[in-house]
Amino acid sequence: MKSTKVPVFNIKGKEVEKIELAEVFQAPFRPDLIKRAVLSSRRNRQVPYGVDPRAGKRTSAESWGTGRGAARVPRVKGSRTHSASRAALIPFAVGGRRTHPPEADQNFSEKVNKKERIIARNSAIAATSDPILVESRGHIIEEVNYLPLVVTDELESLKKTKDVYETFKSLGLSFDLAKAKRRNSHVRAGKGKRRGRKYKNGKSVLLVVANDMGILRAARNISGVDAVIIDQLNTEHLAPGTHAGRLTIWTKSAVDYLKEWEKN
């Protein structure tokens, strides 16, 4: 593939040098494999849920059978009235068991071929360098000087949230961060807000580093920002909700790590 030179910015937003980009940034766009990989990742994290297998069945109720001029629904021992079937085993009786309850032994996992997963990850990495795909995700990149956005390794040693925010601001990301903050402070409409999903989780900048010298802790309190070490990077980081083209900052060492991927 044809080599590409990209600028490297310091934490003040000034260009300091140019480096050769890894070939993975020229991978073809495969939205089908990206979607499959992300959905598989989400399903493999899903926790099985279900009712107690004995729920609604802990009762002494039995049917009287025929010949008594009464319905054959199970009735609690010691009672003769029809209302005594409240704890019956049948699903259509008042107080009976559920008809088709969820079972906790169901398997939610989904497998994806290793090669397909690698192609999906590489495709999602390449999508971070395409301005059209980044804008189609809703990111604001009017003040961003270049994509992919590569920053010096000095960023990895920042330990304060305000310093990380100032760096993002100098790189032209303040509008996208403000958009994510507005979205994440909006209370969700509907019943989800009383089921542990009161606020929507809007995504803004993804920060990919080679080493954590304090940056992960410093960046985690900025709304919409995710930070990850390069060897833990997966397709879901790069394409939340199966939509590729996330606004991503790469440190210089992270880009060099991608070049080592290609050699191996």
Protein backbone atom coordinates (compact mmCIF):
# COMPACT_ATOMS: atom_id res chain seq x y z
CA MET A 1 0.00 0.00 0.00
CA LYS A 2 1.00 3.59 -0.51
CA SER A 3 2.63 5.16 2.56
CA THR A 4 1.04 8.25 4.04
CA LYS A 5 2.61 11.01 6.12
CA VAL A 6 0.44 12.56 8.82
CA PRO A 7 1.18 15.49 11.17
CA VAL A 8 1.80 14.97 14.88
CA PHE A 9 0.52 17.63 17.28
CA ASN A 10 1.71 18.46 20.77
CA ILE A 11 -0.61 19.06 23.72
CA LYS A 12 -0.79 22.75 22.75
CA GLY A 13 -2.26 21.90 19.34
CA LYS A 14 0.89 22.80 17.38
CA GLU A 15 2.30 20.56 14.66
CA VAL A 16 5.76 19.31 15.63
CA GLU A 17 6.57 16.61 13.07
CA LYS A 18 5.24 14.18 10.48
CA ILE A 19 5.21 10.40 10.73
CA GLU A 20 4.33 7.58 8.39
CA LEU A 21 0.86 6.19 9.01
CA ALA A 22 0.27 2.49 9.57
CA GLU A 23 -1.16 0.59 6.62
CA VAL A 24 -4.15 -0.53 8.69
CA PHE A 25 -5.61 2.98 8.20
CA GLN A 26 -6.11 2.08 4.53
CA ALA A 27 -8.17 -1.05 5.22
CA PRO A 28 -11.45 -1.34 3.26
CA PHE A 29 -14.68 -0.27 4.95
CA ARG A 30 -16.74 -3.30 6.03
CA PRO A 31 -19.83 -2.11 7.94
CA ASP A 32 -21.32 -5.61 7.87
CA LEU A 33 -18.43 -7.17 9.78
CA ILE A 34 -18.19 -4.19 12.13
CA LYS A 35 -21.85 -4.60 13.07
CA ARG A 36 -21.46 -8.33 13.59
CA ALA A 37 -18.38 -7.92 15.80
CA VAL A 38 -19.97 -5.21 17.98
CA LEU A 39 -23.24 -7.10 18.46
CA SER A 40 -21.29 -10.24 19.34
CA SER A 41 -19.28 -8.32 21.94
CA ARG A 42 -22.46 -6.96 23.51
CA ARG A 43 -24.22 -10.33 23.56
CA ASN A 44 -21.23 -12.02 25.19
CA ARG A 45 -21.48 -9.52 28.06
CA GLN A 46 -25.19 -10.09 28.55
CA VAL A 47 -26.07 -11.63 31.90
CA PRO A 48 -28.65 -14.45 31.80
CA TYR A 49 -31.83 -13.67 33.67
CA GLY A 50 -34.94 -15.60 34.57
CA VAL A 51 -37.44 -16.54 37.24
CA ASP A 52 -37.02 -19.13 39.95
CA PRO A 53 -37.83 -22.52 38.36
CA ARG A 54 -40.12 -23.26 41.32
CA ALA A 55 -41.90 -19.89 41.27
CA GLY A 56 -45.68 -20.35 41.51
CA LYS A 57 -45.34 -24.09 42.08
CA ARG A 58 -44.79 -24.21 45.83
CA THR A 59 -48.35 -25.13 46.73
CA SER A 60 -50.40 -28.04 48.01
CA ALA A 61 -53.12 -27.35 45.45
CA GLU A 62 -54.64 -30.35 43.65
CA SER A 63 -57.62 -30.78 41.38
CA TRP A 64 -60.77 -32.37 42.77
CA GLY A 65 -61.26 -34.21 39.53
CA THR A 66 -64.75 -34.80 38.12
CA GLY A 67 -68.10 -35.52 39.72
CA ARG A 68 -68.34 -32.61 42.16
CA GLY A 69 -69.95 -30.04 39.89
CA ALA A 70 -66.88 -27.77 40.05
CA ALA A 71 -64.15 -26.80 37.64
CA ARG A 72 -61.11 -29.06 37.58
CA VAL A 73 -58.65 -26.28 38.49
CA PRO A 74 -56.21 -27.13 41.33
CA ARG A 75 -57.46 -25.98 44.75
CA VAL A 76 -55.51 -25.43 47.95
CA LYS A 77 -56.01 -28.23 50.52
CA GLY A 78 -58.65 -27.45 53.12
CA SER A 79 -60.65 -25.06 50.93
CA ARG A 80 -63.78 -25.76 48.90
CA THR A 81 -64.55 -22.43 47.27
CA HIS A 82 -63.50 -21.60 43.73
CA SER A 83 -61.39 -18.68 44.95
CA ALA A 84 -59.12 -21.18 46.67
CA SER A 85 -57.32 -21.71 43.35
CA ARG A 86 -55.26 -18.51 43.80
CA ALA A 87 -52.05 -20.51 44.33
CA ALA A 88 -52.82 -22.97 41.58
CA LEU A 89 -50.17 -24.51 39.32
CA ILE A 90 -51.99 -23.55 36.15
CA PRO A 91 -50.92 -20.33 34.38
CA PHE A 92 -54.42 -19.00 33.66
CA ALA A 93 -55.62 -19.04 37.28
CA VAL A 94 -55.42 -16.00 39.54
CA GLY A 95 -52.14 -16.23 41.47
CA GLY A 96 -50.87 -19.04 39.27
CA ARG A 97 -47.44 -19.37 37.70
CA ARG A 98 -46.32 -17.35 34.66
CA THR A 99 -47.11 -18.87 31.29
CA HIS A 100 -43.76 -18.66 29.49
CA PRO A 101 -41.27 -17.06 31.91
CA PRO A 102 -37.66 -16.26 30.91
CA GLU A 103 -35.27 -19.05 31.86
CA ALA A 104 -31.86 -18.27 33.35
CA ASP A 105 -30.15 -21.18 31.59
CA GLN A 106 -30.48 -19.69 28.11
CA ASN A 107 -27.26 -18.99 26.21
CA PHE A 108 -26.82 -15.43 24.88
CA SER A 109 -23.26 -15.83 23.59
CA GLU A 110 -22.43 -15.42 19.92
CA LYS A 111 -19.20 -16.46 18.22
CA VAL A 112 -17.41 -14.59 15.43
CA ASN A 113 -14.61 -16.04 13.34
CA LYS A 114 -11.17 -14.76 14.34
CA LYS A 115 -10.34 -13.46 10.86
CA GLU A 116 -13.67 -11.66 10.59
CA ARG A 117 -13.12 -10.06 13.99
CA ILE A 118 -9.66 -8.83 12.92
CA ILE A 119 -11.00 -7.45 9.63
CA ALA A 120 -13.79 -5.66 11.53
CA ARG A 121 -11.32 -4.09 13.95
CA ASN A 122 -8.99 -2.97 11.15
CA SER A 123 -11.93 -1.54 9.20
CA ALA A 124 -13.08 0.41 12.26
CA ILE A 125 -9.55 1.76 12.74
CA ALA A 126 -9.44 2.95 9.13
CA ALA A 127 -12.86 4.61 9.52
CA THR A 128 -11.43 6.97 12.17
CA SER A 129 -9.40 8.64 9.41
CA ASP A 130 -12.36 9.25 7.08
CA PRO A 131 -13.93 12.72 7.68
CA ILE A 132 -17.16 11.68 5.95
CA LEU A 133 -17.69 8.70 8.27
CA VAL A 134 -16.69 10.73 11.34
CA GLU A 135 -19.19 13.47 10.49
CA SER A 136 -21.90 10.93 9.68
CA ARG A 137 -21.64 9.71 13.30
CA GLY A 138 -22.54 13.22 14.39
CA HIS A 139 -19.10 14.42 15.49
CA ILE A 140 -18.22 18.09 15.06
CA ILE A 141 -14.83 18.32 13.34
CA GLU A 142 -14.94 21.81 11.85
CA GLU A 143 -11.95 22.92 13.93
CA VAL A 144 -10.01 19.65 13.72
CA ASN A 145 -6.89 20.17 11.64
CA TYR A 146 -6.32 16.62 10.40
CA LEU A 147 -7.67 13.08 10.60
CA PRO A 148 -6.48 10.72 11.96
CA LEU A 149 -5.55 12.92 14.90
CA VAL A 150 -2.09 11.95 16.21
CA VAL A 151 -0.64 13.56 19.35
CA THR A 152 2.77 13.28 20.98
CA ASP A 153 3.35 10.85 23.83
CA GLU A 154 3.37 13.76 26.26
CA LEU A 155 -0.41 13.32 26.40
CA GLU A 156 -0.01 9.95 28.13
CA SER A 157 1.61 11.53 31.20
CA LEU A 158 -1.17 14.03 31.97
CA LYS A 159 -2.67 13.38 35.40
CA LYS A 160 -5.31 16.12 35.77
CA THR A 161 -8.68 16.25 34.07
CA LYS A 162 -8.43 19.98 33.41
CA ASP A 163 -5.11 19.48 31.58
CA VAL A 164 -6.65 16.79 29.37
CA TYR A 165 -9.63 19.03 28.62
CA GLU A 166 -7.32 21.93 27.69
CA THR A 167 -5.45 19.63 25.33
CA PHE A 168 -8.68 18.54 23.66
CA LYS A 169 -9.72 22.17 23.39
CA SER A 170 -6.43 23.12 21.70
CA LEU A 171 -6.98 20.29 19.19
CA GLY A 172 -10.38 21.73 18.16
CA LEU A 173 -12.57 19.22 20.00
CA SER A 174 -14.39 21.56 22.40
CA PHE A 175 -17.62 21.69 20.35
CA ASP A 176 -17.88 17.91 20.13
CA LEU A 177 -17.25 17.57 23.87
CA ALA A 178 -19.93 20.17 24.62
CA LYS A 179 -22.41 18.31 22.42
CA ALA A 180 -21.80 15.04 24.28
CA LYS A 181 -22.14 16.77 27.65
CA ARG A 182 -25.52 18.23 26.66
CA ARG A 183 -26.74 14.84 25.51
CA ASN A 184 -25.57 13.03 28.63
CA SER A 185 -27.25 15.55 30.94
CA HIS A 186 -30.65 15.06 29.28
CA VAL A 187 -33.06 12.77 31.11
CA ARG A 188 -34.25 9.92 28.95
CA ALA A 189 -37.91 9.85 27.89
CA GLY A 190 -39.94 6.80 28.79
CA LYS A 191 -39.75 4.01 31.33
CA GLY A 192 -36.03 3.47 30.95
CA LYS A 193 -35.27 6.25 33.37
CA ARG A 194 -36.64 4.17 36.24
CA ARG A 195 -34.79 1.06 35.16
CA GLY A 196 -31.25 2.27 35.68
CA ARG A 197 -31.01 4.13 32.35
CA LYS A 198 -31.94 7.65 33.40
CA TYR A 199 -29.37 9.34 31.16
CA LYS A 200 -28.28 8.50 27.63
CA ASN A 201 -24.64 7.62 27.12
CA GLY A 202 -23.50 9.84 24.26
CA LYS A 203 -20.02 9.21 22.84
CA SER A 204 -17.47 11.86 22.00
CA VAL A 205 -13.68 11.41 21.80
CA LEU A 206 -11.90 8.07 22.02
CA LEU A 207 -8.32 8.34 23.28
CA VAL A 208 -5.98 5.48 22.31
CA VAL A 209 -2.64 5.36 24.12
CA ALA A 210 0.26 2.91 24.29
CA ASN A 211 1.05 3.41 27.99
CA ASP A 212 -0.98 4.62 30.93
CA MET A 213 1.00 7.12 33.01
CA GLY A 214 -2.09 8.73 34.50
CA ILE A 215 -4.08 9.59 31.39
CA LEU A 216 -6.81 6.96 31.83
CA ARG A 217 -7.72 8.26 35.27
CA ALA A 218 -7.48 11.90 34.15
CA ALA A 219 -9.71 11.45 31.08
CA ARG A 220 -12.49 9.31 32.55
CA ASN A 221 -14.38 12.21 34.14
CA ILE A 222 -14.90 14.10 30.86
CA SER A 223 -18.41 13.42 29.59
CA GLY A 224 -18.48 11.24 26.48
CA VAL A 225 -14.72 10.53 26.51
CA ASP A 226 -13.31 7.00 26.60
CA ALA A 227 -9.62 6.14 26.98
CA VAL A 228 -8.13 2.75 26.22
CA ILE A 229 -4.69 1.16 25.94
CA ILE A 230 -3.88 0.04 22.39
CA ASP A 231 -3.51 -3.66 23.21
CA GLN A 232 -7.03 -3.65 24.71
CA LEU A 233 -8.62 -1.87 21.75
CA ASN A 234 -11.61 -3.61 20.15
CA THR A 235 -14.23 -2.88 17.52
CA GLU A 236 -16.83 -1.66 20.03
CA HIS A 237 -14.49 1.11 21.25
CA LEU A 238 -14.11 2.35 17.67
CA ALA A 239 -17.70 1.84 16.55
CA PRO A 240 -20.16 2.27 19.46
CA GLY A 241 -23.64 1.16 18.53
CA THR A 242 -22.19 -0.54 15.39
CA HIS A 243 -21.60 2.88 13.76
CA ALA A 244 -18.00 3.31 12.60
CA GLY A 245 -16.12 6.59 12.35
CA ARG A 246 -15.61 7.61 15.98
CA LEU A 247 -13.60 10.77 16.59
CA THR A 248 -10.32 9.27 17.83
CA ILE A 249 -7.03 10.63 19.16
CA TRP A 250 -3.97 8.40 18.71
CA THR A 251 -0.71 8.92 20.52
CA LYS A 252 2.46 8.52 18.49
CA SER A 253 3.41 5.35 20.36
CA ALA A 254 -0.03 3.87 19.65
CA VAL A 255 0.46 4.39 15.92
CA ASP A 256 3.88 2.74 16.16
CA TYR A 257 2.21 -0.17 17.95
CA LEU A 258 -0.16 -0.56 14.99
CA LYS A 259 2.87 -0.86 12.71
CA GLU A 260 4.13 -3.73 14.87
CA TRP A 261 0.73 -5.41 14.45
CA GLU A 262 1.28 -5.46 10.70
CA LYS A 263 4.69 -7.11 11.05
CA ASN A 264 3.30 -9.87 13.23
